[in-house]
């Protein structure tokens, strides 16, 4: 009887485990869309998708906050799809510097009146919308760093 109870408990635990992971993955998250048109990108933005990375041949979007369902073909993202830009942000005062620090970028340092950071396109756009002057130094910060080695 103990063996049967143990086996039933084991079967129950195994059957519950993968379903939780599947439902969390299916709830939204990051998606890669290859070769989107400008119209498709605008429709996604209008529906509440956030563009994390925009490359010439694909975009990575966050779908968690989409307000209406949309049919689009997407693929799971790979680590190399999440490209961050190396940026310089002009920070004339401490308020601008605090805006950069709070923005979500991977803040590196301040050199004079310039904050140096690594950032996804979504954060670059937010900094520009906040009125800050952002200059993209390298399209792929990781490749730039590898070139220094």
N, C-alpha and C. Protein backbone atom coordinates (compact mmCIF):
# COMPACT_ATOMS: atom_id res chain seq x y z
N UNK A 1 0.82 -1.19 0.00
CA UNK A 1 0.00 0.00 0.00
C UNK A 1 0.86 1.26 0.00
N UNK A 2 1.96 1.25 0.77
CA UNK A 2 2.85 2.40 0.81
C UNK A 2 3.48 2.63 -0.56
N UNK A 3 3.82 1.58 -1.25
CA UNK A 3 4.46 1.70 -2.57
C UNK A 3 3.48 2.30 -3.56
N UNK A 4 2.23 1.86 -3.53
CA UNK A 4 1.22 2.39 -4.44
C UNK A 4 0.98 3.87 -4.16
N UNK A 5 0.89 4.24 -2.88
CA UNK A 5 0.70 5.65 -2.51
C UNK A 5 1.89 6.49 -2.98
N UNK A 6 3.08 5.95 -2.78
CA UNK A 6 4.28 6.67 -3.21
C UNK A 6 4.28 6.86 -4.73
N UNK A 7 3.93 5.81 -5.48
CA UNK A 7 3.91 5.90 -6.94
C UNK A 7 2.86 6.90 -7.41
N UNK A 8 1.68 6.89 -6.78
CA UNK A 8 0.64 7.86 -7.15
C UNK A 8 1.10 9.29 -6.88
N UNK A 9 1.76 9.50 -5.74
CA UNK A 9 2.27 10.83 -5.42
C UNK A 9 3.34 11.25 -6.42
N UNK A 10 4.22 10.34 -6.79
CA UNK A 10 5.27 10.62 -7.76
C UNK A 10 4.69 10.97 -9.12
N UNK A 11 3.70 10.21 -9.57
CA UNK A 11 3.04 10.50 -10.86
C UNK A 11 2.37 11.87 -10.81
N UNK A 12 1.72 12.19 -9.71
CA UNK A 12 1.08 13.49 -9.57
C UNK A 12 2.09 14.63 -9.64
N UNK A 13 3.21 14.51 -8.94
CA UNK A 13 4.23 15.56 -8.95
C UNK A 13 4.86 15.72 -10.33
N UNK A 14 5.11 14.64 -11.01
CA UNK A 14 5.70 14.71 -12.35
C UNK A 14 4.73 15.36 -13.32
N UNK A 15 3.46 15.02 -13.22
CA UNK A 15 2.49 15.59 -14.16
C UNK A 15 2.25 17.08 -13.91
N UNK A 16 2.43 17.56 -12.69
CA UNK A 16 2.23 18.98 -12.38
C UNK A 16 3.42 19.83 -12.77
N UNK A 17 4.62 19.34 -12.67
CA UNK A 17 5.83 20.12 -12.92
C UNK A 17 5.92 20.73 -14.30
N UNK A 18 5.92 19.98 -15.39
CA UNK A 18 6.09 20.56 -16.72
C UNK A 18 4.96 21.49 -17.14
N UNK A 19 3.73 21.24 -16.66
CA UNK A 19 2.62 22.10 -17.05
C UNK A 19 2.82 23.52 -16.54
N UNK A 20 3.37 23.68 -15.34
CA UNK A 20 3.61 25.02 -14.81
C UNK A 20 4.61 25.75 -15.66
N UNK A 21 5.69 25.08 -16.07
CA UNK A 21 6.69 25.73 -16.90
C UNK A 21 6.11 26.11 -18.25
N UNK A 22 5.33 25.23 -18.84
CA UNK A 22 4.74 25.51 -20.15
C UNK A 22 3.80 26.71 -20.07
N UNK A 23 2.98 26.77 -19.04
CA UNK A 23 2.03 27.88 -18.95
C UNK A 23 2.75 29.20 -18.73
N UNK A 24 3.86 29.19 -17.98
CA UNK A 24 4.60 30.43 -17.78
C UNK A 24 5.26 30.87 -19.08
N UNK A 25 5.80 29.93 -19.84
CA UNK A 25 6.44 30.29 -21.09
C UNK A 25 5.42 30.79 -22.10
N UNK A 26 4.23 30.20 -22.08
CA UNK A 26 3.22 30.60 -23.04
C UNK A 26 2.53 31.90 -22.67
N UNK A 27 2.81 32.46 -21.52
CA UNK A 27 2.12 33.65 -21.05
C UNK A 27 2.63 34.93 -21.68
N UNK A 28 3.61 34.85 -22.50
CA UNK A 28 4.17 36.05 -23.12
C UNK A 28 5.66 36.00 -23.08
N UNK A 29 6.30 37.13 -22.90
CA UNK A 29 7.75 37.16 -22.81
C UNK A 29 8.37 37.74 -24.07
N UNK A 30 9.57 37.28 -24.37
CA UNK A 30 10.30 37.81 -25.51
C UNK A 30 10.12 36.90 -26.73
N UNK A 31 9.89 37.53 -27.85
CA UNK A 31 9.69 36.82 -29.11
C UNK A 31 10.55 37.46 -30.19
N UNK A 32 11.05 36.65 -31.11
CA UNK A 32 11.83 37.15 -32.24
C UNK A 32 10.97 37.03 -33.50
N UNK A 33 10.88 38.14 -34.24
CA UNK A 33 10.14 38.16 -35.50
C UNK A 33 11.12 38.49 -36.60
N UNK A 34 11.24 37.58 -37.55
CA UNK A 34 12.18 37.78 -38.65
C UNK A 34 11.55 38.58 -39.78
N UNK A 35 12.31 39.48 -40.34
CA UNK A 35 11.95 40.30 -41.50
C UNK A 35 10.57 40.96 -41.38
N UNK A 36 10.31 41.68 -40.30
CA UNK A 36 9.02 42.36 -40.18
C UNK A 36 8.97 43.59 -41.08
N UNK A 37 7.79 43.91 -41.55
CA UNK A 37 7.62 45.14 -42.31
C UNK A 37 7.38 46.29 -41.34
N UNK A 38 7.50 47.51 -41.83
CA UNK A 38 7.23 48.68 -40.99
C UNK A 38 5.78 48.67 -40.50
N UNK A 39 4.86 48.22 -41.35
CA UNK A 39 3.45 48.14 -40.97
C UNK A 39 3.26 47.14 -39.82
N UNK A 40 3.90 45.97 -39.92
CA UNK A 40 3.80 44.98 -38.86
C UNK A 40 4.38 45.50 -37.55
N UNK A 41 5.52 46.17 -37.64
CA UNK A 41 6.14 46.73 -36.44
C UNK A 41 5.19 47.74 -35.79
N UNK A 42 4.59 48.61 -36.57
CA UNK A 42 3.67 49.61 -36.03
C UNK A 42 2.44 48.95 -35.41
N UNK A 43 1.92 47.90 -36.05
CA UNK A 43 0.77 47.19 -35.49
C UNK A 43 1.11 46.55 -34.14
N UNK A 44 2.30 45.99 -34.04
CA UNK A 44 2.74 45.40 -32.78
C UNK A 44 2.88 46.46 -31.69
N UNK A 45 3.48 47.59 -32.03
CA UNK A 45 3.63 48.68 -31.07
C UNK A 45 2.26 49.20 -30.64
N UNK A 46 1.34 49.36 -31.60
CA UNK A 46 -0.01 49.82 -31.28
C UNK A 46 -0.74 48.84 -30.36
N UNK A 47 -0.41 47.55 -30.47
CA UNK A 47 -1.06 46.53 -29.64
C UNK A 47 -0.41 46.42 -28.26
N UNK A 48 0.67 47.17 -28.03
CA UNK A 48 1.30 47.16 -26.71
C UNK A 48 2.60 46.39 -26.62
N UNK A 49 3.07 45.84 -27.74
CA UNK A 49 4.36 45.15 -27.71
C UNK A 49 5.48 46.18 -27.57
N UNK A 50 6.52 45.83 -26.84
CA UNK A 50 7.67 46.71 -26.67
C UNK A 50 8.83 46.15 -27.49
N UNK A 51 9.43 46.99 -28.31
CA UNK A 51 10.56 46.55 -29.12
C UNK A 51 11.82 46.67 -28.28
N UNK A 52 12.42 45.53 -27.98
CA UNK A 52 13.63 45.49 -27.17
C UNK A 52 14.85 45.71 -28.04
N UNK A 53 14.92 45.00 -29.16
CA UNK A 53 16.03 45.11 -30.11
C UNK A 53 15.44 45.19 -31.51
N UNK A 54 15.97 46.11 -32.31
CA UNK A 54 15.53 46.21 -33.71
C UNK A 54 16.77 46.16 -34.60
N UNK A 55 16.92 45.05 -35.29
CA UNK A 55 18.00 44.84 -36.24
C UNK A 55 17.41 44.91 -37.65
N UNK A 56 18.24 45.02 -38.69
CA UNK A 56 17.69 45.09 -40.05
C UNK A 56 16.87 43.87 -40.46
N UNK A 57 17.21 42.68 -39.94
CA UNK A 57 16.52 41.48 -40.38
C UNK A 57 15.61 40.84 -39.32
N UNK A 58 15.51 41.41 -38.15
CA UNK A 58 14.61 40.88 -37.12
C UNK A 58 14.38 41.92 -36.03
N UNK A 59 13.34 41.66 -35.24
CA UNK A 59 13.10 42.43 -34.02
C UNK A 59 12.87 41.45 -32.87
N UNK A 60 13.18 41.89 -31.67
CA UNK A 60 12.84 41.14 -30.46
C UNK A 60 11.85 42.01 -29.72
N UNK A 61 10.69 41.43 -29.41
CA UNK A 61 9.64 42.18 -28.73
C UNK A 61 9.28 41.51 -27.41
N UNK A 62 8.81 42.34 -26.49
CA UNK A 62 8.24 41.85 -25.24
C UNK A 62 6.73 41.91 -25.41
N UNK A 63 6.08 40.77 -25.22
CA UNK A 63 4.64 40.68 -25.47
C UNK A 63 3.80 40.68 -24.21
N UNK A 64 4.42 40.82 -23.05
CA UNK A 64 3.69 40.73 -21.78
C UNK A 64 2.58 41.77 -21.65
N UNK A 65 2.75 42.95 -22.21
CA UNK A 65 1.80 44.04 -22.01
C UNK A 65 0.90 44.29 -23.22
N UNK A 66 0.83 43.33 -24.12
CA UNK A 66 -0.01 43.53 -25.31
C UNK A 66 -1.48 43.57 -24.89
N UNK A 67 -2.19 44.56 -25.43
CA UNK A 67 -3.58 44.77 -25.04
C UNK A 67 -4.57 44.03 -25.92
N UNK A 68 -4.11 43.58 -27.08
CA UNK A 68 -4.99 42.80 -27.95
C UNK A 68 -4.17 41.70 -28.61
N UNK A 69 -4.80 40.55 -28.81
CA UNK A 69 -4.07 39.44 -29.43
C UNK A 69 -3.80 39.72 -30.90
N UNK A 70 -2.65 39.27 -31.35
CA UNK A 70 -2.28 39.44 -32.75
C UNK A 70 -1.69 38.13 -33.26
N UNK A 71 -1.94 37.86 -34.51
CA UNK A 71 -1.36 36.67 -35.14
C UNK A 71 -0.08 37.09 -35.84
N UNK A 72 1.03 36.57 -35.37
CA UNK A 72 2.31 36.82 -36.03
C UNK A 72 3.19 35.60 -35.84
N UNK A 73 4.05 35.38 -36.79
CA UNK A 73 4.96 34.24 -36.75
C UNK A 73 6.22 34.67 -36.02
N UNK A 74 6.55 33.94 -34.96
CA UNK A 74 7.73 34.29 -34.18
C UNK A 74 8.53 33.04 -33.86
N UNK A 75 9.73 33.28 -33.42
CA UNK A 75 10.63 32.20 -33.03
C UNK A 75 11.13 32.48 -31.63
N UNK A 76 11.57 31.44 -30.93
CA UNK A 76 12.21 31.68 -29.64
C UNK A 76 13.49 32.48 -29.86
N UNK A 77 13.83 33.31 -28.92
CA UNK A 77 15.04 34.11 -29.07
C UNK A 77 16.26 33.29 -28.66
N UNK A 78 17.38 33.68 -29.20
CA UNK A 78 18.67 33.13 -28.82
C UNK A 78 19.42 34.24 -28.09
N UNK A 79 20.41 33.88 -27.31
CA UNK A 79 21.16 34.88 -26.57
C UNK A 79 21.77 35.92 -27.49
N UNK A 80 22.28 35.51 -28.65
CA UNK A 80 22.92 36.45 -29.57
C UNK A 80 21.91 37.42 -30.21
N UNK A 81 20.62 37.15 -30.11
CA UNK A 81 19.60 38.06 -30.63
C UNK A 81 19.46 39.32 -29.77
N UNK A 82 19.83 39.22 -28.51
CA UNK A 82 19.66 40.33 -27.57
C UNK A 82 20.89 41.23 -27.61
N UNK A 83 20.99 42.01 -28.67
CA UNK A 83 22.14 42.89 -28.85
C UNK A 83 21.93 44.21 -28.11
N UNK A 84 22.95 44.56 -27.36
CA UNK A 84 22.96 45.86 -26.70
C UNK A 84 23.91 46.78 -27.46
N UNK A 85 23.58 48.05 -27.48
CA UNK A 85 24.41 49.07 -28.12
C UNK A 85 25.33 49.69 -27.07
N UNK A 86 26.51 50.06 -27.49
CA UNK A 86 27.39 50.87 -26.63
C UNK A 86 27.00 52.31 -26.89
N UNK A 87 26.63 53.02 -25.84
CA UNK A 87 26.14 54.39 -26.01
C UNK A 87 26.90 55.37 -25.12
N UNK A 88 26.92 56.61 -25.60
CA UNK A 88 27.38 57.75 -24.82
C UNK A 88 26.17 58.66 -24.68
N UNK A 89 25.94 59.10 -23.45
CA UNK A 89 24.81 59.98 -23.18
C UNK A 89 25.35 61.26 -22.56
N UNK A 90 25.03 62.39 -23.17
CA UNK A 90 25.44 63.68 -22.63
C UNK A 90 24.63 63.94 -21.37
N UNK A 91 25.36 64.16 -20.25
CA UNK A 91 24.71 64.42 -18.96
C UNK A 91 25.20 65.76 -18.42
N UNK A 92 24.46 66.84 -18.70
CA UNK A 92 24.89 68.17 -18.29
C UNK A 92 24.78 68.41 -16.79
N UNK A 93 23.96 67.59 -16.10
CA UNK A 93 23.77 67.81 -14.66
C UNK A 93 23.44 66.49 -13.97
N UNK A 94 23.30 66.56 -12.66
CA UNK A 94 23.06 65.35 -11.87
C UNK A 94 21.68 64.75 -12.15
N UNK A 95 20.72 65.58 -12.54
CA UNK A 95 19.40 65.06 -12.86
C UNK A 95 19.45 64.18 -14.11
N UNK A 96 20.19 64.64 -15.11
CA UNK A 96 20.35 63.84 -16.33
C UNK A 96 21.08 62.53 -16.03
N UNK A 97 22.11 62.62 -15.19
CA UNK A 97 22.85 61.41 -14.81
C UNK A 97 21.94 60.44 -14.07
N UNK A 98 21.11 60.94 -13.18
CA UNK A 98 20.20 60.06 -12.44
C UNK A 98 19.18 59.43 -13.39
N UNK A 99 18.75 60.15 -14.41
CA UNK A 99 17.83 59.61 -15.41
C UNK A 99 18.49 58.43 -16.13
N UNK A 100 19.75 58.56 -16.49
CA UNK A 100 20.47 57.48 -17.15
C UNK A 100 20.58 56.27 -16.22
N UNK A 101 20.97 56.51 -15.00
CA UNK A 101 21.15 55.42 -14.03
C UNK A 101 19.83 54.68 -13.80
N UNK A 102 18.73 55.42 -13.72
CA UNK A 102 17.42 54.81 -13.45
C UNK A 102 16.75 54.22 -14.68
N UNK A 103 17.31 54.42 -15.85
CA UNK A 103 16.64 54.03 -17.10
C UNK A 103 16.62 52.55 -17.38
N UNK A 104 17.50 51.79 -16.77
CA UNK A 104 17.56 50.36 -17.07
C UNK A 104 18.76 49.97 -17.90
N UNK A 105 19.57 50.94 -18.30
CA UNK A 105 20.77 50.64 -19.08
C UNK A 105 21.80 49.97 -18.19
N UNK A 106 22.76 49.31 -18.82
CA UNK A 106 23.90 48.73 -18.10
C UNK A 106 24.94 49.84 -17.99
N UNK A 107 24.84 50.62 -16.92
CA UNK A 107 25.66 51.81 -16.72
C UNK A 107 27.09 51.40 -16.41
N UNK A 108 28.05 51.99 -17.12
CA UNK A 108 29.46 51.67 -16.91
C UNK A 108 30.18 52.75 -16.10
N UNK A 109 30.19 53.97 -16.65
CA UNK A 109 30.95 55.03 -15.98
C UNK A 109 30.56 56.39 -16.51
N UNK A 110 31.09 57.42 -15.86
CA UNK A 110 30.96 58.79 -16.34
C UNK A 110 32.34 59.28 -16.70
N UNK A 111 32.47 59.85 -17.88
CA UNK A 111 33.73 60.43 -18.33
C UNK A 111 33.44 61.89 -18.67
N UNK A 112 33.76 62.78 -17.73
CA UNK A 112 33.44 64.20 -17.92
C UNK A 112 31.94 64.41 -17.88
N UNK A 113 31.37 64.89 -18.98
CA UNK A 113 29.92 65.11 -19.06
C UNK A 113 29.22 64.03 -19.88
N UNK A 114 29.85 62.86 -19.98
CA UNK A 114 29.31 61.77 -20.78
C UNK A 114 29.18 60.50 -19.95
N UNK A 115 27.97 59.96 -19.93
CA UNK A 115 27.74 58.66 -19.31
C UNK A 115 27.96 57.59 -20.38
N UNK A 116 28.68 56.55 -20.02
CA UNK A 116 28.95 55.45 -20.94
C UNK A 116 28.17 54.25 -20.43
N UNK A 117 27.45 53.61 -21.35
CA UNK A 117 26.59 52.50 -20.94
C UNK A 117 26.36 51.55 -22.11
N UNK A 118 25.79 50.43 -21.76
CA UNK A 118 25.33 49.44 -22.74
C UNK A 118 23.82 49.41 -22.62
N UNK A 119 23.11 49.43 -23.75
CA UNK A 119 21.66 49.54 -23.67
C UNK A 119 20.96 48.85 -24.82
N UNK A 120 19.78 48.31 -24.52
CA UNK A 120 18.89 47.82 -25.56
C UNK A 120 18.19 49.01 -26.21
N UNK A 121 17.68 48.80 -27.41
CA UNK A 121 17.02 49.87 -28.16
C UNK A 121 15.86 50.50 -27.38
N UNK A 122 15.13 49.71 -26.63
CA UNK A 122 13.99 50.23 -25.87
C UNK A 122 14.44 51.30 -24.87
N UNK A 123 15.61 51.09 -24.24
CA UNK A 123 16.10 52.07 -23.27
C UNK A 123 16.69 53.30 -23.96
N UNK A 124 17.29 53.10 -25.11
CA UNK A 124 17.81 54.24 -25.88
C UNK A 124 16.65 55.16 -26.25
N UNK A 125 15.56 54.56 -26.70
CA UNK A 125 14.38 55.35 -27.07
C UNK A 125 13.83 56.12 -25.87
N UNK A 126 13.79 55.48 -24.70
CA UNK A 126 13.28 56.15 -23.49
C UNK A 126 14.18 57.31 -23.08
N UNK A 127 15.50 57.13 -23.22
CA UNK A 127 16.41 58.23 -22.90
C UNK A 127 16.21 59.40 -23.86
N UNK A 128 16.04 59.10 -25.14
CA UNK A 128 15.81 60.16 -26.12
C UNK A 128 14.49 60.86 -25.86
N UNK A 129 13.46 60.09 -25.49
CA UNK A 129 12.16 60.69 -25.17
C UNK A 129 12.24 61.58 -23.93
N UNK A 130 13.20 61.28 -23.05
CA UNK A 130 13.40 62.11 -21.85
C UNK A 130 14.20 63.37 -22.18
N UNK A 131 14.58 63.52 -23.45
CA UNK A 131 15.27 64.73 -23.88
C UNK A 131 16.78 64.65 -23.81
N UNK A 132 17.33 63.48 -23.59
CA UNK A 132 18.78 63.33 -23.49
C UNK A 132 19.39 63.06 -24.87
N UNK A 133 20.60 63.55 -25.05
CA UNK A 133 21.34 63.36 -26.29
C UNK A 133 22.09 62.03 -26.19
N UNK A 134 21.70 61.05 -27.02
CA UNK A 134 22.28 59.71 -27.00
C UNK A 134 23.02 59.47 -28.31
N UNK A 135 24.27 59.03 -28.19
CA UNK A 135 25.05 58.69 -29.38
C UNK A 135 25.42 57.22 -29.29
N UNK A 136 25.08 56.47 -30.35
CA UNK A 136 25.42 55.06 -30.40
C UNK A 136 26.84 54.94 -30.93
N UNK A 137 27.72 54.39 -30.10
CA UNK A 137 29.14 54.26 -30.43
C UNK A 137 29.40 52.96 -31.17
N UNK A 138 28.71 51.89 -30.76
CA UNK A 138 28.85 50.58 -31.42
C UNK A 138 27.49 49.90 -31.43
N UNK A 139 27.13 49.31 -32.57
CA UNK A 139 25.85 48.63 -32.71
C UNK A 139 25.77 47.37 -31.86
N UNK A 140 26.89 46.74 -31.59
CA UNK A 140 26.93 45.54 -30.76
C UNK A 140 28.03 45.72 -29.72
N UNK A 141 27.63 46.05 -28.50
CA UNK A 141 28.61 46.34 -27.43
C UNK A 141 29.48 45.12 -27.12
N UNK A 142 28.90 43.92 -27.18
CA UNK A 142 29.69 42.73 -26.90
C UNK A 142 30.77 42.51 -27.93
N UNK A 143 30.45 42.69 -29.21
CA UNK A 143 31.46 42.54 -30.27
C UNK A 143 32.53 43.62 -30.12
N UNK A 144 32.13 44.82 -29.75
CA UNK A 144 33.10 45.90 -29.53
C UNK A 144 34.05 45.54 -28.41
N UNK A 145 33.52 44.98 -27.32
CA UNK A 145 34.36 44.59 -26.20
C UNK A 145 35.31 43.46 -26.58
N UNK A 146 34.83 42.52 -27.40
CA UNK A 146 35.69 41.42 -27.85
C UNK A 146 36.84 41.95 -28.69
N UNK A 147 36.60 43.03 -29.45
CA UNK A 147 37.64 43.64 -30.28
C UNK A 147 38.74 44.28 -29.45
N UNK A 148 38.44 44.61 -28.19
CA UNK A 148 39.44 45.23 -27.32
C UNK A 148 40.41 44.21 -26.73
N UNK A 149 40.02 42.96 -26.74
CA UNK A 149 40.86 41.93 -26.12
C UNK A 149 42.02 41.53 -27.00
